[in-house]
Protein backbone atom coordinates (compact mmCIF):
# COMPACT_ATOMS: atom_id res chain seq x y z
CA MET A 1 0.00 0.00 0.00
CA ASP A 2 1.48 3.35 -1.05
CA LEU A 3 0.88 6.56 0.88
CA ASP A 4 -2.01 7.73 -1.30
CA ALA A 5 -3.80 4.40 -0.79
CA PHE A 6 -3.05 4.58 2.93
CA THR A 7 -4.64 8.04 3.01
CA ALA A 8 -7.69 6.94 1.05
CA ALA A 9 -8.40 4.00 3.36
CA LEU A 10 -7.69 5.94 6.56
CA PRO A 11 -10.74 6.41 8.86
CA LYS A 12 -11.46 10.13 8.94
CA VAL A 13 -13.22 12.94 10.77
CA GLU A 14 -14.23 16.17 8.99
CA LEU A 15 -14.90 19.36 10.94
CA HIS A 16 -14.86 22.15 8.34
CA LEU A 17 -17.41 21.56 5.60
CA HIS A 18 -20.06 23.96 4.28
CA LEU A 19 -23.07 21.99 3.12
CA GLU A 20 -23.95 24.68 0.60
CA GLY A 21 -20.38 24.33 -0.66
CA THR A 22 -21.05 20.72 -1.68
CA LEU A 23 -23.52 21.75 -4.40
CA GLU A 24 -22.03 19.90 -7.35
CA PRO A 25 -23.00 21.14 -10.85
CA GLU A 26 -25.09 18.04 -11.54
CA LEU A 27 -27.22 18.51 -8.43
CA LYS A 28 -27.48 22.27 -8.95
CA LEU A 29 -28.92 21.70 -12.41
CA GLU A 30 -31.28 18.99 -11.14
CA LEU A 31 -32.61 21.22 -8.34
CA ALA A 32 -32.99 24.19 -10.69
CA ARG A 33 -35.15 22.09 -13.00
CA ARG A 34 -37.11 20.59 -10.10
CA ASN A 35 -37.96 24.01 -8.67
CA GLY A 36 -38.28 26.00 -11.89
CA VAL A 37 -35.37 28.27 -11.03
CA ASP A 38 -33.68 30.01 -13.98
CA ILE A 39 -29.95 29.84 -13.29
CA GLY A 40 -28.88 30.90 -16.77
CA GLN A 41 -27.28 27.55 -17.60
CA SER A 42 -28.79 24.43 -19.13
CA THR A 43 -25.93 21.91 -19.06
CA VAL A 44 -23.59 20.57 -16.40
CA GLU A 45 -20.65 21.95 -18.36
CA GLU A 46 -22.18 25.43 -18.36
CA VAL A 47 -22.77 25.26 -14.62
CA ARG A 48 -19.23 24.06 -13.99
CA ALA A 49 -17.84 26.94 -16.05
CA THR A 50 -19.38 29.40 -13.56
CA TYR A 51 -17.39 27.90 -10.67
CA VAL A 52 -14.44 30.21 -11.34
CA PHE A 53 -12.85 32.63 -8.84
CA ASP A 54 -9.48 33.88 -7.62
CA SER A 55 -10.21 35.38 -4.19
CA LEU A 56 -12.55 35.00 -1.25
CA ALA A 57 -14.74 37.86 -2.51
CA SER A 58 -15.04 36.45 -6.04
CA PHE A 59 -15.80 33.01 -4.62
CA LEU A 60 -18.63 34.35 -2.48
CA ALA A 61 -20.05 36.17 -5.52
CA VAL A 62 -20.51 32.75 -7.17
CA TYR A 63 -21.35 30.82 -4.02
CA TYR A 64 -24.38 32.68 -2.67
CA PRO A 65 -26.41 33.02 -5.91
CA ALA A 66 -26.03 29.24 -6.45
CA MET A 67 -28.12 28.66 -3.32
CA ASP A 68 -31.26 29.92 -5.09
CA VAL A 69 -31.93 26.36 -6.28
CA LEU A 70 -32.46 25.20 -2.68
CA VAL A 71 -36.16 25.73 -1.97
CA THR A 72 -37.79 22.85 -0.08
CA ARG A 73 -36.99 20.69 2.93
CA ALA A 74 -36.34 17.83 0.50
CA ASP A 75 -33.78 19.93 -1.38
CA PHE A 76 -31.72 20.48 1.76
CA ARG A 77 -31.96 16.81 2.62
CA ASP A 78 -30.82 15.81 -0.88
CA LEU A 79 -27.87 18.22 -0.80
CA ALA A 80 -26.64 16.95 2.56
CA MET A 81 -27.13 13.29 1.65
CA ALA A 82 -25.09 13.75 -1.53
CA TYR A 83 -22.24 14.99 0.66
CA PHE A 84 -22.64 12.27 3.29
CA ARG A 85 -22.50 9.55 0.62
CA LYS A 86 -19.33 11.06 -0.82
CA ALA A 87 -17.82 11.41 2.66
CA ALA A 88 -18.68 7.83 3.60
CA ALA A 89 -17.04 6.62 0.38
CA GLN A 90 -13.88 8.41 1.58
CA ASN A 91 -14.12 6.67 4.97
CA VAL A 92 -15.36 9.67 6.93
CA ARG A 93 -16.88 8.31 10.14
CA HIS A 94 -17.92 11.62 11.77
CA ALA A 95 -18.58 15.05 10.27
CA GLU A 96 -19.53 18.40 11.73
CA VAL A 97 -20.97 20.56 8.99
CA PHE A 98 -21.85 24.24 8.55
CA PHE A 99 -25.01 25.71 7.07
CA ASP A 100 -26.05 29.34 6.37
CA PRO A 101 -29.74 29.84 7.22
CA GLN A 102 -29.70 33.64 6.90
CA VAL A 103 -29.20 33.37 3.16
CA HIS A 104 -32.11 30.99 2.76
CA VAL A 105 -34.49 32.83 5.10
CA ALA A 106 -33.80 36.06 3.18
CA ARG A 107 -35.06 34.26 0.04
CA GLY A 108 -38.32 33.29 1.74
CA VAL A 109 -37.36 29.75 2.73
CA ALA A 110 -38.69 28.69 6.13
CA PHE A 111 -36.00 28.35 8.79
CA GLU A 112 -37.39 24.99 9.90
CA ASP A 113 -37.24 23.62 6.35
CA VAL A 114 -33.52 24.35 6.26
CA VAL A 115 -32.72 22.84 9.65
CA LEU A 116 -35.05 19.87 9.42
CA GLY A 117 -34.06 19.09 5.84
CA TYR A 118 -30.43 18.92 6.83
CA HIS A 119 -31.29 16.99 9.98
CA ASP A 120 -33.26 14.47 7.92
CA ALA A 121 -30.00 13.75 6.12
CA VAL A 122 -28.06 13.51 9.40
CA GLU A 123 -30.44 10.83 10.61
CA GLU A 124 -30.37 8.99 7.28
CA ALA A 125 -26.56 9.09 7.16
CA GLN A 126 -26.37 7.52 10.61
CA ARG A 127 -28.94 4.90 9.76
CA GLU A 128 -27.78 3.93 6.27
CA LEU A 129 -24.08 4.83 6.20
CA GLY A 130 -22.99 4.51 9.81
CA LEU A 131 -21.74 8.11 9.64
CA SER A 132 -22.44 10.37 12.61
CA ALA A 133 -22.82 14.10 12.03
CA GLY A 134 -23.57 17.39 13.75
CA LEU A 135 -25.00 20.60 12.30
CA ILE A 136 -23.33 23.96 12.97
CA LEU A 137 -25.36 27.10 12.27
CA CYS A 138 -23.06 29.73 10.76
CA ILE A 139 -23.64 33.44 11.12
CA VAL A 140 -23.03 35.13 7.77
CA ARG A 141 -20.89 37.95 9.03
CA ASP A 142 -21.43 40.38 6.14
CA LEU A 143 -25.22 40.36 6.48
CA PRO A 144 -26.97 42.68 8.98
CA VAL A 145 -26.49 41.77 12.62
CA GLU A 146 -30.26 41.85 13.06
CA SER A 147 -30.69 38.92 10.67
CA ALA A 148 -28.08 36.98 12.65
CA GLU A 149 -29.95 37.73 15.86
CA ASP A 150 -33.16 36.39 14.33
CA VAL A 151 -31.70 33.05 13.25
CA VAL A 152 -29.84 32.57 16.53
CA GLU A 153 -33.11 33.01 18.42
CA ARG A 154 -34.71 30.44 16.10
CA MET A 155 -31.75 28.11 16.64
CA LEU A 156 -32.57 27.94 20.33
CA GLU A 157 -35.74 26.04 19.37
CA PHE A 158 -33.69 23.33 17.65
CA ARG A 159 -31.29 22.15 20.34
CA GLU A 160 -31.80 18.54 19.33
CA GLN A 161 -30.78 19.23 15.73
CA VAL A 162 -27.95 21.80 16.02
CA VAL A 163 -24.75 21.27 18.02
CA GLY A 164 -22.94 24.56 17.60
CA ILE A 165 -22.66 28.03 16.14
CA GLY A 166 -20.03 29.41 13.76
CA LEU A 167 -19.11 32.54 11.82
CA ASP A 168 -18.27 32.65 8.12
CA SER A 169 -18.27 34.77 4.92
CA ASP A 170 -16.42 38.04 4.17
CA GLU A 171 -14.21 38.99 7.09
CA ARG A 172 -13.50 42.57 6.01
CA GLY A 173 -15.03 44.91 8.58
CA ASN A 174 -16.80 42.02 10.28
CA PRO A 175 -14.70 40.94 13.28
CA PRO A 176 -15.80 38.22 15.70
CA ALA A 177 -16.40 40.88 18.38
CA LYS A 178 -19.31 42.22 16.32
CA PHE A 179 -21.19 39.03 17.17
CA ALA A 180 -19.87 38.39 20.69
CA HIS A 181 -23.32 38.81 22.25
CA LEU A 182 -24.71 36.09 19.99
CA PHE A 183 -21.92 33.68 20.83
CA ALA A 184 -22.53 34.33 24.52
CA ARG A 185 -26.25 33.72 24.05
CA ALA A 186 -25.58 30.46 22.24
CA ARG A 187 -23.03 29.28 24.78
CA GLU A 188 -25.43 29.95 27.65
CA ALA A 189 -27.93 27.74 25.87
CA GLY A 190 -25.41 24.90 25.62
CA PHE A 191 -24.11 25.28 22.06
CA LYS A 192 -20.44 24.98 21.12
CA VAL A 193 -18.70 27.93 19.43
CA THR A 194 -16.29 28.24 16.53
CA VAL A 195 -15.37 31.12 14.18
CA HIS A 196 -13.72 31.48 10.80
CA CYS A 197 -10.46 33.42 10.86
CA ASP A 198 -9.65 33.10 7.17
CA ILE A 199 -6.06 33.07 6.01
CA ASP A 200 -4.25 36.28 5.12
CA GLN A 201 -7.30 38.51 5.47
CA GLU A 202 -7.44 42.07 6.73
CA ASP A 203 -6.95 42.21 10.53
CA THR A 204 -6.82 38.41 10.77
CA VAL A 205 -4.46 38.39 13.77
CA GLU A 206 -6.70 40.77 15.70
CA HIS A 207 -9.67 38.57 14.82
CA LEU A 208 -7.77 35.58 16.17
CA ARG A 209 -7.12 37.49 19.39
CA GLN A 210 -10.83 38.29 19.74
CA ALA A 211 -11.76 34.67 19.10
CA LEU A 212 -9.33 33.32 21.67
CA GLU A 213 -9.40 35.98 24.39
CA ASP A 214 -12.74 37.77 24.16
CA ILE A 215 -15.02 34.97 22.98
CA ALA A 216 -12.99 31.94 24.17
CA VAL A 217 -14.06 29.81 21.23
CA ASP A 218 -13.99 26.02 21.34
CA ARG A 219 -12.06 25.91 18.07
CA ILE A 220 -11.06 28.10 15.10
CA ASP A 221 -11.71 27.53 11.41
CA HIS A 222 -8.63 28.13 9.22
CA GLY A 223 -6.60 30.25 11.68
CA THR A 224 -3.04 29.49 10.54
CA ASN A 225 -2.12 33.18 10.77
CA VAL A 226 -1.83 32.53 14.51
CA VAL A 227 1.86 31.82 13.82
CA GLU A 228 2.34 35.57 13.36
CA ASP A 229 1.72 36.21 17.07
CA PRO A 230 3.78 34.04 19.45
CA ARG A 231 1.61 35.00 22.42
CA LEU A 232 -1.60 33.88 20.70
CA LEU A 233 0.07 30.71 19.49
CA ALA A 234 1.15 29.92 23.05
CA LEU A 235 -2.41 30.54 24.27
CA LEU A 236 -3.79 28.26 21.55
CA GLN A 237 -1.40 25.51 22.60
CA GLU A 238 -2.07 25.98 26.31
CA ARG A 239 -5.83 25.62 25.81
CA GLY A 240 -5.60 22.85 23.24
CA THR A 241 -7.77 24.85 20.86
CA GLY A 242 -7.90 23.17 17.47
CA LEU A 243 -7.65 24.60 13.96
CA THR A 244 -9.74 23.24 11.09
CA CYS A 245 -7.49 23.78 8.07
CA CYS A 246 -8.34 23.44 4.37
CA PRO A 247 -5.22 23.36 2.16
CA VAL A 248 -6.94 23.02 -1.21
CA SER A 249 -9.31 25.95 -0.72
CA ASN A 250 -6.45 28.02 0.70
CA SER A 251 -4.70 27.84 -2.64
CA PHE A 252 -7.80 29.17 -4.42
CA VAL A 253 -8.58 32.17 -2.25
CA THR A 254 -4.91 33.12 -1.82
CA ASP A 255 -1.69 32.12 -3.55
CA ASP A 256 -0.68 29.76 -0.74
CA SER A 257 -2.07 26.41 0.46
CA LYS A 258 -0.33 27.01 3.82
CA ALA A 259 0.83 23.39 3.70
CA PRO A 260 4.23 24.08 5.33
CA VAL A 261 2.55 26.10 8.09
CA ILE A 262 -0.05 23.40 8.75
CA ALA A 263 2.65 20.73 8.87
CA ASP A 264 4.83 22.81 11.18
CA LEU A 265 1.93 23.41 13.56
CA LEU A 266 1.17 19.68 13.55
CA ARG A 267 4.77 18.86 14.41
CA ARG A 268 4.72 21.39 17.25
CA GLY A 269 1.75 19.65 18.82
CA VAL A 270 -0.98 22.09 17.77
CA LYS A 271 -4.30 20.32 17.19
CA VAL A 272 -4.56 21.06 13.49
CA THR A 273 -6.97 19.11 11.30
CA VAL A 274 -7.49 18.79 7.54
CA ASN A 275 -10.87 19.31 5.90
CA SER A 276 -12.48 20.14 2.56
CA ASP A 277 -14.34 23.45 3.10
CA ASP A 278 -16.41 23.88 -0.11
CA PRO A 279 -15.38 20.84 -2.14
CA ALA A 280 -17.80 21.25 -5.06
CA TYR A 281 -16.14 24.57 -5.83
CA PHE A 282 -12.53 23.75 -4.95
CA GLY A 283 -12.40 20.31 -6.51
CA GLY A 284 -11.27 18.27 -3.53
CA TYR A 285 -13.00 16.40 -0.72
CA VAL A 286 -11.20 15.41 2.47
CA THR A 287 -9.03 12.67 0.96
CA GLU A 288 -7.82 15.01 -1.79
CA ASN A 289 -6.98 17.63 0.83
CA LEU A 290 -4.97 15.12 2.86
CA VAL A 291 -3.12 13.95 -0.25
CA ALA A 292 -2.36 17.55 -1.25
CA LEU A 293 -0.98 18.33 2.20
CA THR A 294 1.04 15.10 2.30
CA ARG A 295 2.68 15.82 -1.04
CA ALA A 296 3.38 19.49 -0.27
CA ALA A 297 4.74 18.94 3.24
CA SER A 298 6.11 15.37 3.13
CA LEU A 299 3.87 13.96 5.85
CA GLY A 300 4.30 10.37 6.95
CA PRO A 301 1.68 7.77 7.96
CA ASP A 302 2.08 8.57 11.65
CA GLU A 303 1.35 12.24 10.99
CA LEU A 304 -1.72 11.42 8.90
CA ILE A 305 -3.00 9.34 11.80
CA GLN A 306 -2.24 12.16 14.24
CA LEU A 307 -4.35 14.53 12.14
CA GLN A 308 -7.30 12.19 12.68
CA ARG A 309 -6.57 11.88 16.40
CA ASN A 310 -6.59 15.68 16.56
CA ALA A 311 -9.89 15.83 14.68
CA ILE A 312 -11.78 13.43 16.92
CA ASP A 313 -10.26 15.07 20.00
CA ILE A 314 -11.49 18.57 19.13
CA SER A 315 -14.79 17.32 17.69
CA TRP A 316 -18.10 17.75 19.47
CA ALA A 317 -18.98 14.10 19.06
CA SER A 318 -20.35 11.98 21.88
CA ASP A 319 -17.96 9.93 24.00
CA ASP A 320 -19.27 6.77 22.34
CA VAL A 321 -18.51 8.10 18.86
CA LYS A 322 -15.04 9.23 19.97
CA GLU A 323 -14.20 5.91 21.58
CA GLY A 324 -15.46 3.94 18.60
CA PHE A 325 -13.48 6.04 16.14
CA LEU A 326 -10.26 5.82 18.14
CA ALA A 327 -10.61 2.05 18.40
CA GLU A 328 -11.02 1.82 14.62
CA LEU A 329 -8.07 4.15 14.07
CA ASP A 330 -5.88 2.11 16.42
CA ALA A 331 -6.81 -1.07 14.57
CA TYR A 332 -6.05 0.54 11.19
CA GLU A 333 -2.69 1.79 12.44
CA ALA A 334 -1.75 -1.61 13.80
CA LEU A 335 -2.77 -3.39 10.63
CA VAL A 336 -1.47 -1.05 7.96
CA ALA A 337 1.10 1.42 9.23
CA PRO A 338 4.05 -0.83 10.22
CA PRO A 339 4.86 -2.14 6.71
CA LEU A 340 5.18 1.36 5.22
């Protein structure tokens, strides 16, 4: 077994995945036809040709309009199940996935149709694929704060379906502190907290400081710019706060996958993980991201296994899920790793 095959067969956990970012061209076209939505394209090739961008802003300009095809509870279920099937085929055992209800509610979609449609898929994935999953409601940081307040209040009604709250979209002028009261509200209600601190963005280090010191997040999405501030890096290590890194998408929204930085943090004991972000747009699910990082940073089998130990450790999975995954990972390591 070569290293790519080892990576493909490795049991995995994914913690940074936007469900709306798994909208493959084929499904987008199918949903557009189902719901009578004019997207301006009539073939898969035409849809795929629109998935072109060279920055975070240009990506978001493509990403949000594509969501117009999601209309009914069944649409959200179908989108999530398409991802869960792909993830299961790549040996993902547990996934914690983001969704953006503000965007859908603004289009007239009922909040409960979004949450319950996705949760339908979570239950089906557990039942049919043996894949456990948790939903993370993301605040879209460049929409009005009032709309975020509305969906967070609605989220409190769905404690059985949603495990945590996050923060995504365009970081410029939208620091974590802007939403600190919502994170506090969610935490008081028992939800976990994470925020995006995208790579190489304006004021990223200050946003990392706010996330760690002011909000005391449970983990950080992206976040590799923490290396620019030794004090924050030390605080991250002291708390064991994990980073959910996405090397393939990094190389699309900037000129750098950050592979050497991710590998260095891993080797220094930081709880970094590798994930796929918006794989329909960036062309790589979790296995492809692990392979890309391995090739760029010369990771070995033991380090690939450590990435998965990090992921299950910083996950919000139940103790039973964690114990079961670690037992499977130990068995895989014992069976496969020594001959390499």
